Amino acid sequence: MSASDPKPHPIAIAVHGGAGVIERELLPPDKEAEYRAALERALRAGHELLKAGGTSTDAVVAAVVVLEDSPLFNAGKGAVFTLDGGNELDAALMEGRTRRAGAVAALTRIKNPIALARAVMDKTPHVMLIGAGAEAFAESIGMPLVDPAYFHTPERWEQLQKVKAALAADPQFTLDRDTPGLYDEKFGTVGAVAVDRHGDLAAATSTGGMTAKRWGRVGDSPIIGAGTWADNGSVAVSATGHGEHFIRNAVAHEISALVRYRGLSVKAAADEVVLRQLVERRAEGGVIAIDRRGRIAMPFNSKGMYRGAIGVDGKLEVAVFRD
């Protein structure tokens, strides 16, 4: 590098694997180790691309693909079941420099929804495609489809049976934090945010949604500004939580706006939204957020959040519980 060349921008990446009722007594040490290992693989997959000069978009997609391929998380392979016994997957991707974005929803045959979200961004004039139309687009560009049975995992199937039994006993039953033993251990979403050597931000999010969802319900993950957002002028954000609340409060964009218009740091902005505004509205969940200097915030107001980061110092950290 010559003296006239600009100094490379510091790189950093963060990932999450969902937030919710995650307590030590409910997570055996061997299972915790599996989660930590998966988060580390995702971080390293994205970080290696950043170190090689890849874009933040490349990095967040690579990280999310690792998490989608793991049956541990409610995305891709580990997606929860709808009330009808199927799987409907959502994902979104956004670039901070251009504000280009791609999103998909209600997929049933796409192995890696985040890859299709990127194709929507790169290969169409649109932002969001859903259902059969999205899968027809995937076929048109040569993306292979999988048998829906690929997404079937015993643990998720058992979760569905428990909820269906509760519904049979009480048709008005709803999953919420006050239904011990049935409330899903986490708000199943995976995501990644990153800054690359050019100082460009990106965010990606992927999910299987809520256990026993119906009527084509879609949460915040594929909604640009709610569960996913990236803007070089502020921050990149990927959220995990009760989707309806995150949509109503435009959580990802709200954090960005506090940075852009009020001059808050990424940590102060994320804390304001997650730890104050959402708590006041009884909305549970968390976010990962990053700014162009590689400063990372990962607040959550639930009992735990699967999360990790490799900061500008190159140090890898993975965590599950509050401490």
Protein backbone atom coordinates (compact mmCIF):
# COMPACT_ATOMS: atom_id res chain seq x y z
CA MET A 1 0.00 0.00 0.00
CA SER A 2 1.42 3.38 -1.00
CA ALA A 3 1.49 6.40 1.28
CA SER A 4 -1.22 8.00 -0.83
CA ASP A 5 -3.63 5.10 -0.46
CA PRO A 6 -6.35 5.49 2.14
CA LYS A 7 -5.90 3.48 5.30
CA PRO A 8 -8.12 0.38 5.32
CA HIS A 9 -11.21 0.78 7.43
CA PRO A 10 -11.39 -1.33 10.60
CA ILE A 11 -13.55 -4.43 10.20
CA ALA A 12 -15.96 -5.98 12.68
CA ILE A 13 -18.92 -8.35 12.75
CA ALA A 14 -21.63 -9.42 15.19
CA VAL A 15 -24.22 -12.19 15.06
CA HIS A 16 -27.25 -13.29 17.04
CA GLY A 17 -29.21 -16.52 17.23
CA GLY A 18 -32.37 -15.39 18.98
CA ALA A 19 -33.40 -14.01 22.36
CA GLY A 20 -35.88 -15.12 24.99
CA VAL A 21 -36.28 -17.36 28.01
CA ILE A 22 -32.74 -18.71 28.02
CA GLU A 23 -31.71 -19.79 31.52
CA ARG A 24 -28.79 -21.88 32.72
CA GLU A 25 -31.00 -24.54 34.28
CA LEU A 26 -32.85 -24.95 30.97
CA LEU A 27 -29.73 -25.22 28.82
CA PRO A 28 -27.47 -28.22 29.58
CA PRO A 29 -23.71 -27.53 29.28
CA ASP A 30 -23.32 -29.77 26.23
CA LYS A 31 -26.15 -28.00 24.41
CA GLU A 32 -24.76 -24.60 25.38
CA ALA A 33 -21.42 -25.66 23.92
CA GLU A 34 -23.16 -26.54 20.64
CA TYR A 35 -24.77 -23.10 20.46
CA ARG A 36 -21.48 -21.37 21.23
CA ALA A 37 -19.65 -23.40 18.59
CA ALA A 38 -22.27 -22.57 15.95
CA LEU A 39 -22.10 -18.86 16.75
CA GLU A 40 -18.30 -19.00 16.53
CA ARG A 41 -18.46 -20.73 13.14
CA ALA A 42 -20.80 -18.03 11.85
CA LEU A 43 -18.56 -15.25 13.13
CA ARG A 44 -15.44 -16.77 11.61
CA ALA A 45 -17.15 -17.38 8.27
CA GLY A 46 -18.04 -13.71 7.99
CA HIS A 47 -14.83 -12.37 9.48
CA GLU A 48 -12.61 -14.39 7.13
CA LEU A 49 -14.33 -12.74 4.19
CA LEU A 50 -13.88 -9.29 5.73
CA LYS A 51 -10.17 -9.96 6.32
CA ALA A 52 -9.80 -10.99 2.68
CA GLY A 53 -11.33 -7.71 1.52
CA GLY A 54 -14.87 -8.98 1.03
CA THR A 55 -17.84 -6.70 1.45
CA SER A 56 -19.97 -6.41 4.55
CA THR A 57 -22.79 -7.90 2.46
CA ASP A 58 -20.68 -10.95 1.69
CA ALA A 59 -19.86 -11.29 5.38
CA VAL A 60 -23.36 -11.06 6.83
CA VAL A 61 -24.77 -13.45 4.24
CA ALA A 62 -22.02 -15.99 4.94
CA ALA A 63 -22.59 -15.75 8.69
CA VAL A 64 -26.34 -16.16 8.40
CA VAL A 65 -26.00 -19.15 6.05
CA VAL A 66 -24.01 -20.96 8.76
CA LEU A 67 -26.83 -20.33 11.25
CA GLU A 68 -29.54 -21.27 8.75
CA ASP A 69 -27.79 -24.59 8.15
CA SER A 70 -27.77 -25.43 11.86
CA PRO A 71 -30.82 -27.20 13.36
CA LEU A 72 -30.17 -25.32 16.62
CA PHE A 73 -31.70 -22.05 15.46
CA ASN A 74 -35.16 -21.09 14.27
CA ALA A 75 -34.08 -20.29 10.73
CA GLY A 76 -33.47 -22.51 7.74
CA LYS A 77 -32.96 -26.11 8.88
CA GLY A 78 -34.24 -25.48 12.42
CA ALA A 79 -37.35 -23.50 11.48
CA VAL A 80 -40.44 -23.88 13.66
CA PHE A 81 -43.69 -25.33 12.33
CA THR A 82 -46.85 -23.51 11.39
CA LEU A 83 -50.16 -24.66 12.86
CA ASP A 84 -50.75 -26.69 9.69
CA GLY A 85 -47.46 -28.55 10.15
CA GLY A 86 -45.40 -26.79 7.50
CA ASN A 87 -42.54 -24.31 7.58
CA GLU A 88 -42.64 -20.73 6.32
CA LEU A 89 -39.34 -18.89 6.28
CA ASP A 90 -38.52 -15.17 6.03
CA ALA A 91 -35.28 -13.23 5.52
CA ALA A 92 -33.94 -9.78 4.66
CA LEU A 93 -30.68 -8.12 3.69
CA MET A 94 -29.74 -4.44 3.47
CA GLU A 95 -26.63 -2.52 2.41
CA GLY A 96 -25.69 0.67 4.22
CA ARG A 97 -23.91 2.51 1.41
CA THR A 98 -26.63 2.22 -1.23
CA ARG A 99 -29.65 1.33 0.96
CA ARG A 100 -30.36 -1.44 -1.49
CA ALA A 101 -32.35 -4.21 0.15
CA GLY A 102 -33.86 -7.59 -0.57
CA ALA A 103 -36.44 -9.52 1.42
CA VAL A 104 -38.42 -12.74 1.15
CA ALA A 105 -41.29 -14.21 3.15
CA ALA A 106 -43.39 -17.37 3.46
CA LEU A 107 -40.84 -19.61 1.75
CA THR A 108 -41.33 -23.37 1.97
CA ARG A 109 -38.64 -24.85 -0.31
CA ILE A 110 -35.59 -22.54 -0.09
CA LYS A 111 -32.68 -24.01 1.88
CA ASN A 112 -31.07 -20.63 2.58
CA PRO A 113 -33.62 -17.80 2.55
CA ILE A 114 -30.91 -15.16 3.03
CA ALA A 115 -29.37 -16.22 -0.31
CA LEU A 116 -32.70 -15.62 -2.04
CA ALA A 117 -33.06 -12.26 -0.28
CA ARG A 118 -29.70 -11.29 -1.77
CA ALA A 119 -30.82 -12.42 -5.21
CA VAL A 120 -33.95 -10.27 -4.89
CA MET A 121 -31.69 -7.31 -4.09
CA ASP A 122 -29.15 -8.02 -6.84
CA LYS A 123 -31.29 -9.37 -9.66
CA THR A 124 -34.68 -7.65 -9.47
CA PRO A 125 -36.00 -4.08 -9.20
CA HIS A 126 -38.02 -5.14 -6.15
CA VAL A 127 -37.41 -5.26 -2.40
CA MET A 128 -39.71 -8.08 -1.24
CA LEU A 129 -41.00 -11.26 -2.85
CA ILE A 130 -43.20 -13.79 -1.04
CA GLY A 131 -44.43 -17.36 -1.22
CA ALA A 132 -44.86 -19.14 -4.52
CA GLY A 133 -43.77 -16.09 -6.48
CA ALA A 134 -40.49 -15.88 -4.60
CA GLU A 135 -39.85 -19.56 -5.20
CA ALA A 136 -40.70 -19.21 -8.90
CA PHE A 137 -38.10 -16.43 -9.05
CA ALA A 138 -35.60 -18.73 -7.33
CA GLU A 139 -36.21 -21.41 -9.97
CA SER A 140 -35.84 -18.86 -12.75
CA ILE A 141 -32.30 -18.00 -11.62
CA GLY A 142 -31.30 -21.62 -11.10
CA MET A 143 -31.47 -21.71 -7.32
CA PRO A 144 -32.17 -25.29 -6.26
CA LEU A 145 -35.29 -26.04 -4.22
CA VAL A 146 -35.39 -28.53 -1.37
CA ASP A 147 -38.11 -30.92 -0.28
CA PRO A 148 -40.06 -29.33 2.60
CA ALA A 149 -39.11 -32.40 4.66
CA TYR A 150 -35.59 -30.93 4.86
CA PHE A 151 -36.83 -28.51 7.53
CA HIS A 152 -38.38 -31.18 9.76
CA THR A 153 -36.61 -31.52 13.11
CA PRO A 154 -37.99 -33.57 16.03
CA GLU A 155 -37.59 -30.79 18.61
CA ARG A 156 -39.60 -28.27 16.57
CA TRP A 157 -42.26 -30.87 15.82
CA GLU A 158 -42.65 -31.58 19.53
CA GLN A 159 -43.03 -27.86 20.22
CA LEU A 160 -45.89 -27.70 17.73
CA GLN A 161 -47.67 -30.66 19.33
CA LYS A 162 -47.54 -28.98 22.75
CA VAL A 163 -49.06 -25.80 21.39
CA LYS A 164 -51.77 -27.69 19.49
CA ALA A 165 -52.69 -29.55 22.68
CA ALA A 166 -52.97 -26.25 24.52
CA LEU A 167 -55.17 -24.85 21.74
CA ALA A 168 -57.39 -27.91 21.86
CA ALA A 169 -57.92 -27.31 25.58
CA ASP A 170 -58.44 -23.57 25.13
CA PRO A 171 -59.14 -22.14 21.65
CA GLN A 172 -58.23 -18.67 22.96
CA PHE A 173 -54.75 -19.83 24.01
CA THR A 174 -51.87 -17.63 22.86
CA LEU A 175 -48.15 -18.03 23.30
CA ASP A 176 -46.78 -15.36 25.59
CA ARG A 177 -44.31 -14.92 28.41
CA ASP A 178 -46.96 -16.04 30.93
CA THR A 179 -47.31 -19.57 29.54
CA PRO A 180 -44.50 -21.47 31.28
CA GLY A 181 -43.51 -24.75 29.69
CA LEU A 182 -44.93 -23.81 26.31
CA TYR A 183 -43.37 -20.45 25.59
CA ASP A 184 -40.57 -21.00 23.09
CA GLU A 185 -37.12 -20.82 24.67
CA LYS A 186 -36.20 -17.93 22.38
CA PHE A 187 -37.58 -15.60 19.78
CA GLY A 188 -36.17 -17.63 16.95
CA THR A 189 -34.30 -15.41 14.59
CA VAL A 190 -30.72 -15.29 13.40
CA GLY A 191 -28.88 -12.26 12.12
CA ALA A 192 -25.58 -10.55 11.41
CA VAL A 193 -24.26 -7.01 11.06
CA ALA A 194 -20.83 -5.99 9.80
CA VAL A 195 -18.56 -3.18 8.64
CA ASP A 196 -15.98 -3.84 5.93
CA ARG A 197 -12.65 -2.35 4.84
CA HIS A 198 -14.47 0.29 2.82
CA GLY A 199 -16.45 1.43 5.85
CA ASP A 200 -19.69 0.04 4.41
CA LEU A 201 -22.32 -1.44 6.70
CA ALA A 202 -24.71 -4.34 6.08
CA ALA A 203 -27.36 -6.24 8.03
CA ALA A 204 -29.01 -9.61 7.46
CA THR A 205 -31.79 -11.42 9.33
CA SER A 206 -33.48 -14.81 8.85
CA THR A 207 -36.24 -16.64 10.72
CA GLY A 208 -38.79 -19.42 10.76
CA GLY A 209 -41.23 -17.17 12.62
CA MET A 210 -43.43 -18.27 15.51
CA THR A 211 -44.46 -21.81 16.45
CA ALA A 212 -48.03 -22.55 15.31
CA LYS A 213 -48.34 -19.36 13.28
CA ARG A 214 -51.16 -19.28 10.74
CA TRP A 215 -52.85 -17.24 8.03
CA GLY A 216 -49.50 -16.45 6.42
CA ARG A 217 -48.28 -14.48 9.43
CA VAL A 218 -45.05 -12.57 8.81
CA GLY A 219 -43.01 -10.92 11.56
CA ASP A 220 -40.42 -8.18 11.63
CA SER A 221 -37.38 -10.02 10.25
CA PRO A 222 -38.04 -9.34 6.53
CA ILE A 223 -39.51 -5.89 7.14
CA ILE A 224 -36.95 -3.24 6.27
CA GLY A 225 -36.80 -0.75 9.14
CA ALA A 226 -38.37 -3.12 11.67
CA GLY A 227 -36.14 -6.18 12.00
CA THR A 228 -33.42 -5.24 9.52
CA TRP A 229 -31.74 -1.94 8.64
CA ALA A 230 -28.41 -0.59 7.41
CA ASP A 231 -27.34 2.98 6.69
CA ASN A 232 -23.74 4.16 6.44
CA GLY A 233 -24.82 7.44 8.00
CA SER A 234 -25.78 5.74 11.23
CA VAL A 235 -25.82 2.00 11.97
CA ALA A 236 -26.69 -1.50 10.81
CA VAL A 237 -29.20 -3.43 12.93
CA SER A 238 -30.60 -6.95 13.07
CA ALA A 239 -33.36 -7.61 15.59
CA THR A 240 -34.85 -10.60 17.36
CA GLY A 241 -38.03 -10.45 19.38
CA HIS A 242 -41.82 -10.38 19.32
CA GLY A 243 -42.23 -9.38 15.69
CA GLU A 244 -45.50 -7.52 15.96
CA HIS A 245 -44.04 -5.15 18.57
CA PHE A 246 -40.87 -4.65 16.54
CA ILE A 247 -42.93 -3.76 13.47
CA ARG A 248 -45.16 -1.31 15.36
CA ASN A 249 -42.12 0.42 16.82
CA ALA A 250 -39.94 0.32 13.68
CA VAL A 251 -37.18 -0.85 16.01
CA ALA A 252 -34.23 -1.08 13.63
CA HIS A 253 -34.92 2.30 12.03
CA GLU A 254 -35.64 3.92 15.39
CA ILE A 255 -32.13 3.02 16.55
CA SER A 256 -30.71 4.42 13.32
CA ALA A 257 -32.70 7.65 13.70
CA LEU A 258 -31.44 8.21 17.25
CA VAL A 259 -27.88 7.94 15.98
CA ARG A 260 -28.42 10.09 12.88
CA TYR A 261 -30.62 12.84 14.28
CA ARG A 262 -29.86 12.95 18.00
CA GLY A 263 -26.19 12.07 17.75
CA LEU A 264 -26.42 9.14 20.18
CA SER A 265 -23.75 6.45 20.15
CA VAL A 266 -24.73 3.04 18.82
CA LYS A 267 -24.82 1.72 22.38
CA ALA A 268 -26.90 4.58 23.75
CA ALA A 269 -29.38 4.37 20.86
CA ALA A 270 -29.77 0.60 21.06
CA ASP A 271 -30.18 0.72 24.84
CA GLU A 272 -32.78 3.49 24.59
CA VAL A 273 -34.94 1.45 22.24
CA VAL A 274 -34.47 -2.04 23.65
CA LEU A 275 -34.06 -1.37 27.36
CA ARG A 276 -36.48 1.54 27.76
CA GLN A 277 -38.96 1.96 24.92
CA LEU A 278 -39.63 -1.73 24.36
CA VAL A 279 -39.71 -2.52 28.05
CA GLU A 280 -42.36 0.16 28.55
CA ARG A 281 -44.43 -1.54 25.84
CA ARG A 282 -43.87 -5.02 27.30
CA ALA A 283 -42.07 -6.02 24.13
CA GLU A 284 -39.39 -8.63 24.62
CA GLY A 285 -36.27 -9.21 22.54
CA GLY A 286 -32.94 -7.72 21.55
CA VAL A 287 -30.77 -6.40 18.74
CA ILE A 288 -27.25 -6.41 17.43
CA ALA A 289 -26.06 -3.10 16.01
CA ILE A 290 -22.81 -1.73 14.60
CA ASP A 291 -21.55 1.63 13.36
CA ARG A 292 -18.87 2.49 10.80
CA ARG A 293 -16.18 2.65 13.47
CA GLY A 294 -16.91 -0.95 14.35
CA ARG A 295 -18.51 -0.15 17.69
CA ILE A 296 -20.98 -2.87 18.56
CA ALA A 297 -24.05 -2.98 20.81
CA MET A 298 -26.00 -6.14 21.68
CA PRO A 299 -28.68 -5.21 24.24
CA PHE A 300 -31.63 -7.46 25.10
CA ASN A 301 -34.43 -7.25 27.65
CA SER A 302 -35.17 -10.97 27.77
CA LYS A 303 -33.41 -13.50 30.01
CA GLY A 304 -30.83 -14.34 27.38
CA MET A 305 -29.73 -13.90 23.79
CA TYR A 306 -27.44 -16.09 21.72
CA ARG A 307 -24.89 -13.58 20.46
CA GLY A 308 -21.26 -12.98 19.57
CA ALA A 309 -18.89 -10.56 17.91
CA ILE A 310 -15.41 -10.10 16.51
CA GLY A 311 -14.52 -6.49 17.15
CA VAL A 312 -11.99 -4.19 15.51
CA ASP A 313 -9.35 -5.67 17.83
CA GLY A 314 -9.93 -9.10 16.29
CA LYS A 315 -11.06 -10.61 19.58
CA LEU A 316 -13.88 -13.14 19.36
CA GLU A 317 -16.52 -13.19 22.08
CA VAL A 318 -19.62 -15.38 22.33
CA ALA A 319 -22.29 -15.16 25.04
CA VAL A 320 -25.69 -16.60 25.92
CA PHE A 321 -26.79 -15.37 29.34
CA ARG A 322 -26.89 -11.90 30.86
CA ASP A 323 -23.48 -12.29 32.45
